[in-house]
Every structure is written in C-alpha cells, then in structure tokens.
C-alpha atoms as a PDB file:
ATOM      1  CA  MET A   1       8.210   7.909  13.632  1.00  0.00           C
ATOM      2  CA  ARG A   2       5.940   6.696  16.374  1.00  0.00           C
ATOM      3  CA  GLY A   3       6.978   5.906  19.905  1.00  0.00           C
ATOM      4  CA  TYR A   4       5.579   4.470  23.043  1.00  0.00           C
ATOM      5  CA  ALA A   5       6.749   4.995  26.580  1.00  0.00           C
ATOM      6  CA  ILE A   6       7.603   2.178  28.936  1.00  0.00           C
ATOM      7  CA  PRO A   7       7.141   3.397  32.513  1.00  0.00           C
ATOM      8  CA  SER A   8      10.475   3.202  34.320  1.00  0.00           C
ATOM      9  CA  LYS A   9       9.117   1.314  37.337  1.00  0.00           C
ATOM     10  CA  GLN A  10       7.731  -1.524  35.238  1.00  0.00           C
ATOM     11  CA  LYS A  11       9.831  -4.390  34.012  1.00  0.00           C
ATOM     12  CA  ILE A  12      11.189  -4.050  30.520  1.00  0.00           C
ATOM     13  CA  MET A  13       8.952  -5.695  27.951  1.00  0.00           C
ATOM     14  CA  THR A  14      10.384  -8.583  25.964  1.00  0.00           C
ATOM     15  CA  ILE A  15      11.224  -8.028  22.308  1.00  0.00           C
ATOM     16  CA  GLY A  16       8.107 -10.023  21.421  1.00  0.00           C
ATOM     17  CA  GLU A  17       5.895  -7.886  23.653  1.00  0.00           C
ATOM     18  CA  GLN A  18       7.342  -4.757  22.088  1.00  0.00           C
ATOM     19  CA  VAL A  19       6.740  -6.098  18.560  1.00  0.00           C
ATOM     20  CA  LYS A  20       3.142  -6.876  19.491  1.00  0.00           C
ATOM     21  CA  ALA A  21       2.651  -3.401  20.979  1.00  0.00           C
ATOM     22  CA  MET A  22       4.060  -1.768  17.830  1.00  0.00           C
ATOM     23  CA  ARG A  23       1.942  -3.909  15.517  1.00  0.00           C
ATOM     24  CA  ASN A  24      -1.238  -3.237  17.480  1.00  0.00           C
ATOM     25  CA  ASP A  25      -0.488   0.489  17.692  1.00  0.00           C
ATOM     26  CA  ALA A  26       0.061   0.579  13.928  1.00  0.00           C
ATOM     27  CA  GLY A  27      -3.227  -1.291  13.399  1.00  0.00           C
ATOM     28  CA  LEU A  28      -1.603  -4.042  11.348  1.00  0.00           C
ATOM     29  CA  THR A  29      -2.448  -7.696  11.072  1.00  0.00           C
ATOM     30  CA  ALA A  30       0.430 -10.148  11.269  1.00  0.00           C
ATOM     31  CA  THR A  31       0.029 -10.880   7.562  1.00  0.00           C
ATOM     32  CA  LYS A  32       0.120  -7.191   6.626  1.00  0.00           C
ATOM     33  CA  LEU A  33       3.132  -6.606   8.881  1.00  0.00           C
ATOM     34  CA  CYS A  34       5.118  -9.329   7.111  1.00  0.00           C
ATOM     35  CA  GLU A  35       4.060  -7.946   3.745  1.00  0.00           C
ATOM     36  CA  LEU A  36       5.099  -4.373   4.598  1.00  0.00           C
ATOM     37  CA  ALA A  37       8.358  -5.567   6.171  1.00  0.00           C
ATOM     38  CA  GLY A  38       9.238  -7.611   3.099  1.00  0.00           C
ATOM     39  CA  ILE A  39       9.486 -10.786   5.142  1.00  0.00           C
ATOM     40  CA  GLU A  40       8.487 -13.768   3.077  1.00  0.00           C
ATOM     41  CA  THR A  41       7.142 -16.786   4.885  1.00  0.00           C
ATOM     42  CA  ASN A  42       4.477 -19.365   4.096  1.00  0.00           C
ATOM     43  CA  ARG A  43       2.768 -18.736   7.442  1.00  0.00           C
ATOM     44  CA  PRO A  44       3.037 -15.040   8.348  1.00  0.00           C
ATOM     45  CA  ARG A  45       0.505 -15.188  11.189  1.00  0.00           C
ATOM     46  CA  GLN A  46       2.374 -18.074  12.824  1.00  0.00           C
ATOM     47  CA  TYR A  47       5.741 -16.377  12.274  1.00  0.00           C
ATOM     48  CA  ILE A  48       4.655 -13.116  13.946  1.00  0.00           C
ATOM     49  CA  SER A  49       2.780 -14.968  16.697  1.00  0.00           C
ATOM     50  CA  ASN A  50       5.922 -16.943  17.535  1.00  0.00           C
ATOM     51  CA  ILE A  51       7.964 -13.730  17.744  1.00  0.00           C
ATOM     52  CA  GLU A  52       5.339 -11.960  19.869  1.00  0.00           C
ATOM     53  CA  ASN A  53       5.132 -14.935  22.236  1.00  0.00           C
ATOM     54  CA  ASN A  54       8.919 -15.257  22.479  1.00  0.00           C
ATOM     55  CA  LYS A  55       8.943 -18.676  20.850  1.00  0.00           C
ATOM     56  CA  GLN A  56      11.193 -17.553  18.004  1.00  0.00           C
ATOM     57  CA  THR A  57      14.231 -15.321  17.953  1.00  0.00           C
ATOM     58  CA  ILE A  58      14.751 -12.787  15.205  1.00  0.00           C
ATOM     59  CA  SER A  59      17.787 -11.092  13.781  1.00  0.00           C
ATOM     60  CA  PHE A  60      18.491  -7.404  14.194  1.00  0.00           C
ATOM     61  CA  GLU A  61      17.743  -6.937  10.490  1.00  0.00           C
ATOM     62  CA  GLN A  62      14.328  -8.602  10.810  1.00  0.00           C
ATOM     63  CA  LEU A  63      13.556  -6.476  13.879  1.00  0.00           C
ATOM     64  CA  ARG A  64      14.555  -3.347  11.972  1.00  0.00           C
ATOM     65  CA  LYS A  65      12.228  -4.306   9.110  1.00  0.00           C
ATOM     66  CA  LEU A  66       9.327  -4.873  11.518  1.00  0.00           C
ATOM     67  CA  CYS A  67       9.982  -1.514  13.205  1.00  0.00           C
ATOM     68  CA  ASP A  68      10.133   0.267   9.850  1.00  0.00           C
ATOM     69  CA  ALA A  69       6.893  -1.377   8.708  1.00  0.00           C
ATOM     70  CA  CYS A  70       5.156  -0.175  11.900  1.00  0.00           C
ATOM     71  CA  GLY A  71       6.620   3.314  11.590  1.00  0.00           C
ATOM     72  CA  TYR A  72       8.842   3.020  14.671  1.00  0.00           C
ATOM     73  CA  ASP A  73      12.470   3.917  15.181  1.00  0.00           C
ATOM     74  CA  ILE A  74      14.391   0.802  16.202  1.00  0.00           C
ATOM     75  CA  LYS A  75      16.162   2.929  18.828  1.00  0.00           C
ATOM     76  CA  LEU A  76      12.926   2.779  20.851  1.00  0.00           C
ATOM     77  CA  ILE A  77      13.260  -0.974  21.348  1.00  0.00           C
ATOM     78  CA  LYS A  78      14.455  -1.685  24.866  1.00  0.00           C
ATOM     79  CA  ILE A  79      16.682  -4.689  25.368  1.00  0.00           C
ATOM     80  CA  GLU A  80      17.115  -6.061  28.868  1.00  0.00           C
ATOM     81  CA  LYS A  81      20.727  -6.823  29.727  1.00  0.00           C
END
C-alpha cells in the first residue's frame, strides 16, 4: 500500500484533494481509475473531476474502491471533523 504524508501544520486536504493526490501519485487517468475501481459511469472523467473538485459527494464504499484502485489504504484518508 502506498501512503502520503500531510504535514501537521497544514490544513487537512478535502476528500477530493486527497483523491486527486492519490490518482496522480498512482499515475492514473480518471477513466482508468473508474475502470480499475469498478465504477461504471457514462462520463468517468467528469465523475472523477467532480469528486476532486468537491462538487460531488461519494459514499464510503466508492471512496474505498478508489483507494484500492490507487493502491492506498483507506485508513490514510484524513477527514476533517
């Protein structure tokens, strides 16, 4: 599993920012990410873009699938309370 560190003095990244960081680190296009995650949508680029730009919420299960597809442990996702 991969991981990335979020410096403690910086604000916590949004879920979308974290998804984008994982996808970029894994070297995946939005289309390939959806394919590997088993997420079926007619517009995968738009779907991932909306998540990364915090325009669309996702379920825990969808987030888990995206993490798995990028090779990340979902426990690394930081959620601001």
